[in-house]
Full PDB file with SEQRES, HELIX, SHEET, SSBOND, CRYST1, ORIGX, SCALE, CONECT and MASTER records, all heavy atoms in Angstrom:
SEQRES   1 A   46  ALA ALA GLY ASP THR ASP VAL PRO LEU ALA ASN THR ARG          
SEQRES   2 A   46  THR CYS ALA ARG THR LEU ALA GLY GLN GLY ALA ARG VAL          
SEQRES   3 A   46  ARG VAL VAL ASP GLN GLY ALA VAL ASP HIS PHE GLY SER          
SEQRES   4 A   46  VAL VAL VAL SER ALA PRO GLN                                  
HELIX    1 AA1 LEU A    9  GLY A   21  1                                  13    
HELIX    2 AA2 HIS A   36  SER A   43  1                                   8    
CRYST1    1.000    1.000    1.000  90.00  90.00  90.00 P 1           1          
ORIGX1      1.000000  0.000000  0.000000        0.00000                         
ORIGX2      0.000000  1.000000  0.000000        0.00000                         
ORIGX3      0.000000  0.000000  1.000000        0.00000                         
SCALE1      1.000000  0.000000  0.000000        0.00000                         
SCALE2      0.000000  1.000000  0.000000        0.00000                         
SCALE3      0.000000  0.000000  1.000000        0.00000                         
ATOM      1  N   ALA A   1      -4.411   0.040   0.466  1.00  0.00           N  
ATOM      2  CA  ALA A   1      -5.656   0.599   1.019  1.00  0.00           C  
ATOM      3  C   ALA A   1      -5.945  -0.059   2.331  1.00  0.00           C  
ATOM      4  O   ALA A   1      -5.882  -1.326   2.455  1.00  0.00           O  
ATOM      5  CB  ALA A   1      -6.760   0.420   0.010  1.00  0.00           C  
ATOM      6  N   ALA A   2      -6.304   0.725   3.312  1.00  0.00           N  
ATOM      7  CA  ALA A   2      -6.676   0.219   4.617  1.00  0.00           C  
ATOM      8  C   ALA A   2      -7.904  -0.738   4.540  1.00  0.00           C  
ATOM      9  O   ALA A   2      -8.007  -1.659   5.287  1.00  0.00           O  
ATOM     10  CB  ALA A   2      -6.958   1.346   5.566  1.00  0.00           C  
ATOM     11  N   GLY A   3      -8.787  -0.440   3.522  1.00  0.00           N  
ATOM     12  CA  GLY A   3      -9.950  -1.321   3.391  1.00  0.00           C  
ATOM     13  C   GLY A   3      -9.732  -2.569   2.619  1.00  0.00           C  
ATOM     14  O   GLY A   3     -10.678  -3.364   2.383  1.00  0.00           O  
ATOM     15  N   ASP A   4      -8.564  -2.862   2.087  1.00  0.00           N  
ATOM     16  CA  ASP A   4      -8.233  -4.011   1.288  1.00  0.00           C  
ATOM     17  C   ASP A   4      -8.101  -5.206   2.171  1.00  0.00           C  
ATOM     18  O   ASP A   4      -7.253  -5.270   3.081  1.00  0.00           O  
ATOM     19  CB  ASP A   4      -6.916  -3.732   0.555  1.00  0.00           C  
ATOM     20  CG  ASP A   4      -6.539  -4.872  -0.432  1.00  0.00           C  
ATOM     21  OD1 ASP A   4      -7.137  -5.923  -0.361  1.00  0.00           O  
ATOM     22  OD2 ASP A   4      -5.731  -4.596  -1.320  1.00  0.00           O  
ATOM     23  N   THR A   5      -9.023  -6.196   1.993  1.00  0.00           N  
ATOM     24  CA  THR A   5      -8.947  -7.421   2.815  1.00  0.00           C  
ATOM     25  C   THR A   5      -8.144  -8.515   2.097  1.00  0.00           C  
ATOM     26  O   THR A   5      -7.896  -9.560   2.671  1.00  0.00           O  
ATOM     27  CB  THR A   5     -10.336  -7.952   3.132  1.00  0.00           C  
ATOM     28  OG1 THR A   5     -11.112  -8.160   1.965  1.00  0.00           O  
ATOM     29  CG2 THR A   5     -11.119  -6.979   4.023  1.00  0.00           C  
ATOM     30  N   ASP A   6      -7.795  -8.351   0.843  1.00  0.00           N  
ATOM     31  CA  ASP A   6      -7.017  -9.312   0.055  1.00  0.00           C  
ATOM     32  C   ASP A   6      -5.533  -9.134   0.364  1.00  0.00           C  
ATOM     33  O   ASP A   6      -4.843 -10.090   0.520  1.00  0.00           O  
ATOM     34  CB  ASP A   6      -7.250  -9.162  -1.418  1.00  0.00           C  
ATOM     35  CG  ASP A   6      -8.696  -9.482  -1.828  1.00  0.00           C  
ATOM     36  OD1 ASP A   6      -9.165 -10.532  -1.414  1.00  0.00           O  
ATOM     37  OD2 ASP A   6      -9.257  -8.670  -2.540  1.00  0.00           O  
ATOM     38  N   VAL A   7      -5.020  -7.926   0.384  1.00  0.00           N  
ATOM     39  CA  VAL A   7      -3.673  -7.622   0.746  1.00  0.00           C  
ATOM     40  C   VAL A   7      -3.661  -6.578   1.867  1.00  0.00           C  
ATOM     41  O   VAL A   7      -3.848  -5.410   1.563  1.00  0.00           O  
ATOM     42  CB  VAL A   7      -2.864  -7.108  -0.494  1.00  0.00           C  
ATOM     43  CG1 VAL A   7      -1.428  -6.806  -0.106  1.00  0.00           C  
ATOM     44  CG2 VAL A   7      -2.973  -8.084  -1.652  1.00  0.00           C  
ATOM     45  N   PRO A   8      -3.548  -7.028   3.099  1.00  0.00           N  
ATOM     46  CA  PRO A   8      -3.620  -6.070   4.223  1.00  0.00           C  
ATOM     47  C   PRO A   8      -2.528  -4.975   4.134  1.00  0.00           C  
ATOM     48  O   PRO A   8      -1.434  -5.221   3.670  1.00  0.00           O  
ATOM     49  CB  PRO A   8      -3.394  -6.944   5.413  1.00  0.00           C  
ATOM     50  CG  PRO A   8      -3.734  -8.335   4.989  1.00  0.00           C  
ATOM     51  CD  PRO A   8      -3.367  -8.374   3.515  1.00  0.00           C  
ATOM     52  N   LEU A   9      -2.892  -3.818   4.551  1.00  0.00           N  
ATOM     53  CA  LEU A   9      -2.036  -2.676   4.605  1.00  0.00           C  
ATOM     54  C   LEU A   9      -0.753  -3.013   5.402  1.00  0.00           C  
ATOM     55  O   LEU A   9       0.359  -2.522   5.056  1.00  0.00           O  
ATOM     56  CB  LEU A   9      -2.684  -1.483   5.207  1.00  0.00           C  
ATOM     57  CG  LEU A   9      -1.962  -0.120   5.236  1.00  0.00           C  
ATOM     58  CD1 LEU A   9      -1.502   0.319   3.827  1.00  0.00           C  
ATOM     59  CD2 LEU A   9      -2.820   0.930   5.903  1.00  0.00           C  
ATOM     60  N   ALA A  10      -0.850  -3.852   6.365  1.00  0.00           N  
ATOM     61  CA  ALA A  10       0.303  -4.200   7.173  1.00  0.00           C  
ATOM     62  C   ALA A  10       1.373  -4.865   6.299  1.00  0.00           C  
ATOM     63  O   ALA A  10       2.572  -4.731   6.530  1.00  0.00           O  
ATOM     64  CB  ALA A  10      -0.075  -5.149   8.321  1.00  0.00           C  
ATOM     65  N   ASN A  11       0.945  -5.654   5.302  1.00  0.00           N  
ATOM     66  CA  ASN A  11       1.895  -6.326   4.407  1.00  0.00           C  
ATOM     67  C   ASN A  11       2.659  -5.266   3.642  1.00  0.00           C  
ATOM     68  O   ASN A  11       3.932  -5.396   3.442  1.00  0.00           O  
ATOM     69  CB  ASN A  11       1.189  -7.182   3.352  1.00  0.00           C  
ATOM     70  CG  ASN A  11       0.673  -8.494   3.965  1.00  0.00           C  
ATOM     71  OD1 ASN A  11       0.591  -8.622   5.215  1.00  0.00           O  
ATOM     72  ND2 ASN A  11       0.288  -9.360   3.173  1.00  0.00           N  
ATOM     73  N   THR A  12       2.003  -4.171   3.216  1.00  0.00           N  
ATOM     74  CA  THR A  12       2.652  -3.105   2.477  1.00  0.00           C  
ATOM     75  C   THR A  12       3.610  -2.425   3.366  1.00  0.00           C  
ATOM     76  O   THR A  12       4.779  -2.047   2.953  1.00  0.00           O  
ATOM     77  CB  THR A  12       1.622  -2.143   1.920  1.00  0.00           C  
ATOM     78  OG1 THR A  12       0.676  -2.927   1.100  1.00  0.00           O  
ATOM     79  CG2 THR A  12       2.241  -1.040   1.053  1.00  0.00           C  
ATOM     80  N   ARG A  13       3.248  -2.134   4.585  1.00  0.00           N  
ATOM     81  CA  ARG A  13       4.114  -1.479   5.538  1.00  0.00           C  
ATOM     82  C   ARG A  13       5.341  -2.295   5.822  1.00  0.00           C  
ATOM     83  O   ARG A  13       6.497  -1.789   5.957  1.00  0.00           O  
ATOM     84  CB  ARG A  13       3.341  -1.080   6.798  1.00  0.00           C  
ATOM     85  CG  ARG A  13       2.275  -0.014   6.516  1.00  0.00           C  
ATOM     86  CD  ARG A  13       1.760   0.567   7.802  1.00  0.00           C  
ATOM     87  NE  ARG A  13       0.622   1.408   7.592  1.00  0.00           N  
ATOM     88  CZ  ARG A  13       0.609   2.621   7.072  1.00  0.00           C  
ATOM     89  NH1 ARG A  13       1.713   3.147   6.648  1.00  0.00           N  
ATOM     90  NH2 ARG A  13      -0.563   3.271   6.929  1.00  0.00           N  
ATOM     91  N   THR A  14       5.169  -3.583   5.971  1.00  0.00           N  
ATOM     92  CA  THR A  14       6.387  -4.525   6.190  1.00  0.00           C  
ATOM     93  C   THR A  14       7.259  -4.489   4.970  1.00  0.00           C  
ATOM     94  O   THR A  14       8.483  -4.433   5.134  1.00  0.00           O  
ATOM     95  CB  THR A  14       5.835  -5.961   6.446  1.00  0.00           C  
ATOM     96  OG1 THR A  14       5.072  -5.901   7.631  1.00  0.00           O  
ATOM     97  CG2 THR A  14       7.017  -6.934   6.592  1.00  0.00           C  
ATOM     98  N   CYS A  15       6.692  -4.543   3.776  1.00  0.00           N  
ATOM     99  CA  CYS A  15       7.522  -4.436   2.564  1.00  0.00           C  
ATOM    100  C   CYS A  15       8.312  -3.157   2.539  1.00  0.00           C  
ATOM    101  O   CYS A  15       9.503  -3.101   2.239  1.00  0.00           O  
ATOM    102  CB  CYS A  15       6.611  -4.599   1.338  1.00  0.00           C  
ATOM    103  SG  CYS A  15       7.463  -4.466  -0.281  1.00  0.00           S  
ATOM    104  N   ALA A  16       7.659  -2.044   2.836  1.00  0.00           N  
ATOM    105  CA  ALA A  16       8.277  -0.761   2.860  1.00  0.00           C  
ATOM    106  C   ALA A  16       9.463  -0.737   3.836  1.00  0.00           C  
ATOM    107  O   ALA A  16      10.526  -0.208   3.530  1.00  0.00           O  
ATOM    108  CB  ALA A  16       7.295   0.378   3.224  1.00  0.00           C  
ATOM    109  N   ARG A  17       9.267  -1.269   5.040  1.00  0.00           N  
ATOM    110  CA  ARG A  17      10.362  -1.325   6.039  1.00  0.00           C  
ATOM    111  C   ARG A  17      11.532  -2.162   5.563  1.00  0.00           C  
ATOM    112  O   ARG A  17      12.738  -1.773   5.694  1.00  0.00           O  
ATOM    113  CB  ARG A  17       9.877  -1.871   7.372  1.00  0.00           C  
ATOM    114  CG  ARG A  17       9.114  -0.824   8.184  1.00  0.00           C  
ATOM    115  CD  ARG A  17       8.880  -1.277   9.623  1.00  0.00           C  
ATOM    116  NE  ARG A  17       8.115  -2.532   9.714  1.00  0.00           N  
ATOM    117  CZ  ARG A  17       6.852  -2.647   9.663  1.00  0.00           C  
ATOM    118  NH1 ARG A  17       6.055  -1.563   9.596  1.00  0.00           N  
ATOM    119  NH2 ARG A  17       6.254  -3.870   9.816  1.00  0.00           N  
ATOM    120  N   THR A  18      11.210  -3.257   4.884  1.00  0.00           N  
ATOM    121  CA  THR A  18      12.250  -4.148   4.377  1.00  0.00           C  
ATOM    122  C   THR A  18      13.050  -3.440   3.270  1.00  0.00           C  
ATOM    123  O   THR A  18      14.286  -3.430   3.297  1.00  0.00           O  
ATOM    124  CB  THR A  18      11.644  -5.442   3.807  1.00  0.00           C  
ATOM    125  OG1 THR A  18      10.930  -6.103   4.866  1.00  0.00           O  
ATOM    126  CG2 THR A  18      12.769  -6.408   3.249  1.00  0.00           C  
ATOM    127  N   LEU A  19      12.342  -2.779   2.419  1.00  0.00           N  
ATOM    128  CA  LEU A  19      13.049  -2.032   1.345  1.00  0.00           C  
ATOM    129  C   LEU A  19      13.839  -0.864   1.846  1.00  0.00           C  
ATOM    130  O   LEU A  19      14.999  -0.629   1.468  1.00  0.00           O  
ATOM    131  CB  LEU A  19      12.056  -1.480   0.316  1.00  0.00           C  
ATOM    132  CG  LEU A  19      11.313  -2.602  -0.561  1.00  0.00           C  
ATOM    133  CD1 LEU A  19      10.122  -2.024  -1.251  1.00  0.00           C  
ATOM    134  CD2 LEU A  19      12.338  -3.175  -1.568  1.00  0.00           C  
ATOM    135  N   ALA A  20      13.346  -0.155   2.870  1.00  0.00           N  
ATOM    136  CA  ALA A  20      14.018   0.931   3.497  1.00  0.00           C  
ATOM    137  C   ALA A  20      15.265   0.466   4.154  1.00  0.00           C  
ATOM    138  O   ALA A  20      16.334   1.101   4.175  1.00  0.00           O  
ATOM    139  CB  ALA A  20      13.127   1.636   4.480  1.00  0.00           C  
ATOM    140  N   GLY A  21      15.196  -0.726   4.779  1.00  0.00           N  
ATOM    141  CA  GLY A  21      16.402  -1.365   5.427  1.00  0.00           C  
ATOM    142  C   GLY A  21      17.496  -1.652   4.432  1.00  0.00           C  
ATOM    143  O   GLY A  21      18.643  -1.805   4.834  1.00  0.00           O  
ATOM    144  N   GLN A  22      17.139  -1.725   3.148  1.00  0.00           N  
ATOM    145  CA  GLN A  22      18.128  -1.959   2.169  1.00  0.00           C  
ATOM    146  C   GLN A  22      18.531  -0.670   1.408  1.00  0.00           C  
ATOM    147  O   GLN A  22      19.251  -0.688   0.396  1.00  0.00           O  
ATOM    148  CB  GLN A  22      17.597  -2.969   1.086  1.00  0.00           C  
ATOM    149  CG  GLN A  22      17.241  -4.329   1.679  1.00  0.00           C  
ATOM    150  CD  GLN A  22      18.501  -4.967   2.179  1.00  0.00           C  
ATOM    151  OE1 GLN A  22      19.562  -4.991   1.567  1.00  0.00           O  
ATOM    152  NE2 GLN A  22      18.340  -5.593   3.414  1.00  0.00           N  
ATOM    153  N   GLY A  23      18.121   0.485   1.980  1.00  0.00           N  
ATOM    154  CA  GLY A  23      18.521   1.811   1.496  1.00  0.00           C  
ATOM    155  C   GLY A  23      17.506   2.465   0.575  1.00  0.00           C  
ATOM    156  O   GLY A  23      17.810   3.547   0.122  1.00  0.00           O  
ATOM    157  N   ALA A  24      16.370   1.822   0.320  1.00  0.00           N  
ATOM    158  CA  ALA A  24      15.398   2.497  -0.602  1.00  0.00           C  
ATOM    159  C   ALA A  24      14.647   3.586   0.181  1.00  0.00           C  
ATOM    160  O   ALA A  24      14.445   3.461   1.315  1.00  0.00           O  
ATOM    161  CB  ALA A  24      14.416   1.434  -1.099  1.00  0.00           C  
ATOM    162  N   ARG A  25      14.330   4.575  -0.579  1.00  0.00           N  
ATOM    163  CA  ARG A  25      13.436   5.646  -0.051  1.00  0.00           C  
ATOM    164  C   ARG A  25      12.037   5.265  -0.484  1.00  0.00           C  
ATOM    165  O   ARG A  25      11.679   5.254  -1.670  1.00  0.00           O  
ATOM    166  CB  ARG A  25      13.769   7.001  -0.617  1.00  0.00           C  
ATOM    167  CG  ARG A  25      15.107   7.525  -0.089  1.00  0.00           C  
ATOM    168  CD  ARG A  25      15.545   8.851  -0.690  1.00  0.00           C  
ATOM    169  NE  ARG A  25      14.450   9.671  -1.029  1.00  0.00           N  
ATOM    170  CZ  ARG A  25      14.477  10.592  -2.048  1.00  0.00           C  
ATOM    171  NH1 ARG A  25      15.594  10.729  -2.759  1.00  0.00           N  
ATOM    172  NH2 ARG A  25      13.471  11.363  -2.260  1.00  0.00           N  
ATOM    173  N   VAL A  26      11.209   4.858   0.527  1.00  0.00           N  
ATOM    174  CA  VAL A  26       9.834   4.291   0.217  1.00  0.00           C  
ATOM    175  C   VAL A  26       8.760   5.177   0.853  1.00  0.00           C  
ATOM    176  O   VAL A  26       8.892   5.608   2.032  1.00  0.00           O  
ATOM    177  CB  VAL A  26       9.770   2.880   0.778  1.00  0.00           C  
ATOM    178  CG1 VAL A  26       8.412   2.281   0.392  1.00  0.00           C  
ATOM    179  CG2 VAL A  26      10.931   2.057   0.283  1.00  0.00           C  
ATOM    180  N   ARG A  27       7.724   5.418   0.084  1.00  0.00           N  
ATOM    181  CA  ARG A  27       6.534   6.062   0.610  1.00  0.00           C  
ATOM    182  C   ARG A  27       5.341   5.175   0.416  1.00  0.00           C  
ATOM    183  O   ARG A  27       5.127   4.658  -0.679  1.00  0.00           O  
ATOM    184  CB  ARG A  27       6.345   7.352  -0.122  1.00  0.00           C  
ATOM    185  CG  ARG A  27       5.074   8.094   0.336  1.00  0.00           C  
ATOM    186  CD  ARG A  27       4.900   9.412  -0.429  1.00  0.00           C  
ATOM    187  NE  ARG A  27       3.523   9.948  -0.177  1.00  0.00           N  
ATOM    188  CZ  ARG A  27       2.864  10.651  -1.006  1.00  0.00           C  
ATOM    189  NH1 ARG A  27       3.421  10.988  -2.147  1.00  0.00           N  
ATOM    190  NH2 ARG A  27       1.706  11.070  -0.710  1.00  0.00           N  
ATOM    191  N   VAL A  28       4.566   4.899   1.499  1.00  0.00           N  
ATOM    192  CA  VAL A  28       3.342   4.153   1.407  1.00  0.00           C  
ATOM    193  C   VAL A  28       2.201   5.107   1.262  1.00  0.00           C  
ATOM    194  O   VAL A  28       2.061   6.051   2.059  1.00  0.00           O  
ATOM    195  CB  VAL A  28       3.109   3.259   2.673  1.00  0.00           C  
ATOM    196  CG1 VAL A  28       1.757   2.571   2.603  1.00  0.00           C  
ATOM    197  CG2 VAL A  28       4.229   2.216   2.750  1.00  0.00           C  
ATOM    198  N   VAL A  29       1.407   4.976   0.191  1.00  0.00           N  
ATOM    199  CA  VAL A  29       0.260   5.777  -0.095  1.00  0.00           C  
ATOM    200  C   VAL A  29      -1.022   4.916   0.270  1.00  0.00           C  
ATOM    201  O   VAL A  29      -1.320   4.004  -0.399  1.00  0.00           O  
ATOM    202  CB  VAL A  29       0.214   6.258  -1.506  1.00  0.00           C  
ATOM    203  CG1 VAL A  29      -0.996   7.138  -1.777  1.00  0.00           C  
ATOM    204  CG2 VAL A  29       1.524   6.964  -1.873  1.00  0.00           C  
ATOM    205  N   ASP A  30      -1.653   5.308   1.401  1.00  0.00           N  
ATOM    206  CA  ASP A  30      -2.847   4.613   1.841  1.00  0.00           C  
ATOM    207  C   ASP A  30      -4.061   5.198   1.171  1.00  0.00           C  
ATOM    208  O   ASP A  30      -4.334   6.391   1.362  1.00  0.00           O  
ATOM    209  CB  ASP A  30      -2.956   4.702   3.363  1.00  0.00           C  
ATOM    210  CG  ASP A  30      -4.163   3.995   3.935  1.00  0.00           C  
ATOM    211  OD1 ASP A  30      -4.992   3.441   3.185  1.00  0.00           O  
ATOM    212  OD2 ASP A  30      -4.280   4.028   5.158  1.00  0.00           O  
ATOM    213  N   GLN A  31      -4.781   4.412   0.389  1.00  0.00           N  
ATOM    214  CA  GLN A  31      -5.930   4.900  -0.304  1.00  0.00           C  
ATOM    215  C   GLN A  31      -7.215   4.892   0.492  1.00  0.00           C  
ATOM    216  O   GLN A  31      -8.292   5.215  -0.021  1.00  0.00           O  
ATOM    217  CB  GLN A  31      -6.096   4.126  -1.648  1.00  0.00           C  
ATOM    218  CG  GLN A  31      -4.920   4.197  -2.580  1.00  0.00           C  
ATOM    219  CD  GLN A  31      -4.661   5.580  -3.044  1.00  0.00           C  
ATOM    220  OE1 GLN A  31      -5.249   6.608  -2.640  1.00  0.00           O  
ATOM    221  NE2 GLN A  31      -3.686   5.710  -3.948  1.00  0.00           N  
ATOM    222  N   GLY A  32      -7.114   4.510   1.759  1.00  0.00           N  
ATOM    223  CA  GLY A  32      -8.316   4.536   2.580  1.00  0.00           C  
ATOM    224  C   GLY A  32      -9.174   3.305   2.620  1.00  0.00           C  
ATOM    225  O   GLY A  32      -8.743   2.184   2.338  1.00  0.00           O  
ATOM    226  N   ALA A  33     -10.479   3.514   2.753  1.00  0.00           N  
ATOM    227  CA  ALA A  33     -11.487   2.485   2.978  1.00  0.00           C  
ATOM    228  C   ALA A  33     -11.963   1.864   1.639  1.00  0.00           C  
ATOM    229  O   ALA A  33     -13.183   1.656   1.517  1.00  0.00           O  
ATOM    230  CB  ALA A  33     -12.594   2.997   3.807  1.00  0.00           C  
ATOM    231  N   VAL A  34     -11.111   1.636   0.730  1.00  0.00           N  
ATOM    232  CA  VAL A  34     -11.559   1.004  -0.560  1.00  0.00           C  
ATOM    233  C   VAL A  34     -10.999  -0.480  -0.565  1.00  0.00           C  
ATOM    234  O   VAL A  34     -10.036  -0.778   0.123  1.00  0.00           O  
ATOM    235  CB  VAL A  34     -11.034   1.771  -1.821  1.00  0.00           C  
ATOM    236  CG1 VAL A  34     -11.723   3.072  -1.905  1.00  0.00           C  
ATOM    237  CG2 VAL A  34      -9.542   1.838  -1.844  1.00  0.00           C  
ATOM    238  N   ASP A  35     -11.679  -1.305  -1.370  1.00  0.00           N  
ATOM    239  CA  ASP A  35     -11.267  -2.700  -1.352  1.00  0.00           C  
ATOM    240  C   ASP A  35     -10.043  -2.868  -2.360  1.00  0.00           C  
ATOM    241  O   ASP A  35      -9.524  -1.879  -2.893  1.00  0.00           O  
ATOM    242  CB  ASP A  35     -12.378  -3.633  -1.721  1.00  0.00           C  
ATOM    243  CG  ASP A  35     -12.943  -3.414  -3.128  1.00  0.00           C  
ATOM    244  OD1 ASP A  35     -12.306  -2.623  -3.954  1.00  0.00           O  
ATOM    245  OD2 ASP A  35     -14.030  -3.942  -3.452  1.00  0.00           O  
ATOM    246  N   HIS A  36      -9.685  -4.126  -2.609  1.00  0.00           N  
ATOM    247  CA  HIS A  36      -8.499  -4.388  -3.378  1.00  0.00           C  
ATOM    248  C   HIS A  36      -8.611  -3.742  -4.775  1.00  0.00           C  
ATOM    249  O   HIS A  36      -7.682  -3.084  -5.225  1.00  0.00           O  
ATOM    250  CB  HIS A  36      -8.302  -5.929  -3.469  1.00  0.00           C  
ATOM    251  CG  HIS A  36      -7.000  -6.269  -4.109  1.00  0.00           C  
ATOM    252  ND1 HIS A  36      -5.792  -6.124  -3.496  1.00  0.00           N  
ATOM    253  CD2 HIS A  36      -6.725  -6.891  -5.311  1.00  0.00           C  
ATOM    254  CE1 HIS A  36      -4.809  -6.534  -4.259  1.00  0.00           C  
ATOM    255  NE2 HIS A  36      -5.360  -7.048  -5.366  1.00  0.00           N  
ATOM    256  N   PHE A  37      -9.682  -4.028  -5.516  1.00  0.00           N  
ATOM    257  CA  PHE A  37      -9.831  -3.498  -6.818  1.00  0.00           C  
ATOM    258  C   PHE A  37     -10.172  -2.031  -6.834  1.00  0.00           C  
ATOM    259  O   PHE A  37      -9.712  -1.271  -7.716  1.00  0.00           O  
ATOM    260  CB  PHE A  37     -10.826  -4.290  -7.648  1.00  0.00           C  
ATOM    261  CG  PHE A  37     -10.412  -5.671  -7.882  1.00  0.00           C  
ATOM    262  CD1 PHE A  37     -10.919  -6.713  -7.165  1.00  0.00           C  
ATOM    263  CD2 PHE A  37      -9.400  -5.928  -8.821  1.00  0.00           C  
ATOM    264  CE1 PHE A  37     -10.500  -8.032  -7.355  1.00  0.00           C  
ATOM    265  CE2 PHE A  37      -8.930  -7.217  -9.021  1.00  0.00           C  
ATOM    266  CZ  PHE A  37      -9.516  -8.250  -8.255  1.00  0.00           C  
ATOM    267  N   GLY A  38     -10.820  -1.546  -5.794  1.00  0.00           N  
ATOM    268  CA  GLY A  38     -11.030  -0.122  -5.676  1.00  0.00           C  
ATOM    269  C   GLY A  38      -9.777   0.679  -5.517  1.00  0.00           C  
ATOM    270  O   GLY A  38      -9.670   1.820  -5.960  1.00  0.00           O  
ATOM    271  N   SER A  39      -8.789   0.045  -4.883  1.00  0.00           N  
ATOM    272  CA  SER A  39      -7.523   0.742  -4.657  1.00  0.00           C  
ATOM    273  C   SER A  39      -6.819   0.958  -6.044  1.00  0.00           C  
ATOM    274  O   SER A  39      -6.159   1.962  -6.207  1.00  0.00           O  
ATOM    275  CB  SER A  39      -6.616  -0.007  -3.708  1.00  0.00           C  
ATOM    276  OG  SER A  39      -6.149  -1.233  -4.267  1.00  0.00           O  
ATOM    277  N   VAL A  40      -7.025   0.044  -6.935  1.00  0.00           N  
ATOM    278  CA  VAL A  40      -6.448   0.235  -8.287  1.00  0.00           C  
ATOM    279  C   VAL A  40      -7.065   1.398  -8.989  1.00  0.00           C  
ATOM    280  O   VAL A  40      -6.357   2.267  -9.604  1.00  0.00           O  
ATOM    281  CB  VAL A  40      -6.631  -1.035  -9.179  1.00  0.00           C  
ATOM    282  CG1 VAL A  40      -6.155  -0.849 -10.624  1.00  0.00           C  
ATOM    283  CG2 VAL A  40      -5.886  -2.230  -8.541  1.00  0.00           C  
ATOM    284  N   VAL A  41      -8.364   1.478  -8.914  1.00  0.00           N  
ATOM    285  CA  VAL A  41      -9.147   2.612  -9.476  1.00  0.00           C  
ATOM    286  C   VAL A  41      -8.657   3.933  -8.939  1.00  0.00           C  
ATOM    287  O   VAL A  41      -8.509   4.900  -9.680  1.00  0.00           O  
ATOM    288  CB  VAL A  41     -10.613   2.417  -9.328  1.00  0.00           C  
ATOM    289  CG1 VAL A  41     -11.450   3.614  -9.804  1.00  0.00           C  
ATOM    290  CG2 VAL A  41     -11.113   1.141 -10.035  1.00  0.00           C  
ATOM    291  N   VAL A  42      -8.458   4.014  -7.695  1.00  0.00           N  
ATOM    292  CA  VAL A  42      -8.031   5.230  -7.043  1.00  0.00           C  
ATOM    293  C   VAL A  42      -6.542   5.547  -7.272  1.00  0.00           C  
ATOM    294  O   VAL A  42      -6.195   6.676  -7.506  1.00  0.00           O  
ATOM    295  CB  VAL A  42      -8.252   5.149  -5.444  1.00  0.00           C  
ATOM    296  CG1 VAL A  42      -7.772   6.415  -4.784  1.00  0.00           C  
ATOM    297  CG2 VAL A  42      -9.762   5.016  -5.218  1.00  0.00           C  
ATOM    298  N   SER A  43      -5.722   4.461  -7.279  1.00  0.00           N  
ATOM    299  CA  SER A  43      -4.283   4.678  -7.440  1.00  0.00           C  
ATOM    300  C   SER A  43      -3.846   4.993  -8.888  1.00  0.00           C  
ATOM    301  O   SER A  43      -2.886   5.746  -9.046  1.00  0.00           O  
ATOM    302  CB  SER A  43      -3.570   3.421  -6.936  1.00  0.00           C  
ATOM    303  OG  SER A  43      -3.833   3.172  -5.604  1.00  0.00           O  
ATOM    304  N   ALA A  44      -4.507   4.341  -9.837  1.00  0.00           N  
ATOM    305  CA  ALA A  44      -3.963   4.478 -11.233  1.00  0.00           C  
ATOM    306  C   ALA A  44      -3.814   5.897 -11.667  1.00  0.00           C  
ATOM    307  O   ALA A  44      -2.778   6.263 -12.219  1.00  0.00           O  
ATOM    308  CB  ALA A  44      -4.912   3.712 -12.173  1.00  0.00           C  
ATOM    309  N   PRO A  45      -4.779   6.813 -11.475  1.00  0.00           N  
ATOM    310  CA  PRO A  45      -4.573   8.193 -11.881  1.00  0.00           C  
ATOM    311  C   PRO A  45      -3.432   8.844 -11.159  1.00  0.00           C  
ATOM    312  O   PRO A  45      -2.731   9.698 -11.701  1.00  0.00           O  
ATOM    313  CB  PRO A  45      -5.907   8.875 -11.605  1.00  0.00           C  
ATOM    314  CG  PRO A  45      -6.903   7.798 -11.398  1.00  0.00           C  
ATOM    315  CD  PRO A  45      -6.148   6.566 -10.982  1.00  0.00           C  
ATOM    316  N   GLN A  46      -3.247   8.514  -9.849  1.00  0.00           N  
ATOM    317  CA  GLN A  46      -2.144   9.112  -9.100  1.00  0.00           C  
ATOM    318  C   GLN A  46      -0.765   8.601  -9.595  1.00  0.00           C  
ATOM    319  O   GLN A  46       0.149   9.455  -9.678  1.00  0.00           O  
ATOM    320  CB  GLN A  46      -2.295   8.720  -7.640  1.00  0.00           C  
ATOM    321  CG  GLN A  46      -3.511   9.225  -6.990  1.00  0.00           C  
ATOM    322  CD  GLN A  46      -3.731   8.693  -5.537  1.00  0.00           C  
ATOM    323  OE1 GLN A  46      -2.831   8.265  -4.881  1.00  0.00           O  
ATOM    324  NE2 GLN A  46      -4.936   8.805  -5.089  1.00  0.00           N  
TER     325      GLN A  46                                                      
MASTER        0    0    0    2    0    0    0    6  324    1    0    4          
END                                                                             
């Protein structure tokens, strides 16, 4: 989530690039302006 101040979205994007560099097909799903725990609430049903 872009609103997550505990784990910045940039960290996720870096992880995705690293995994893609090893051949993984990776999609980052940005949950928007929610905080760290809010992203869990939004992501879990997805």
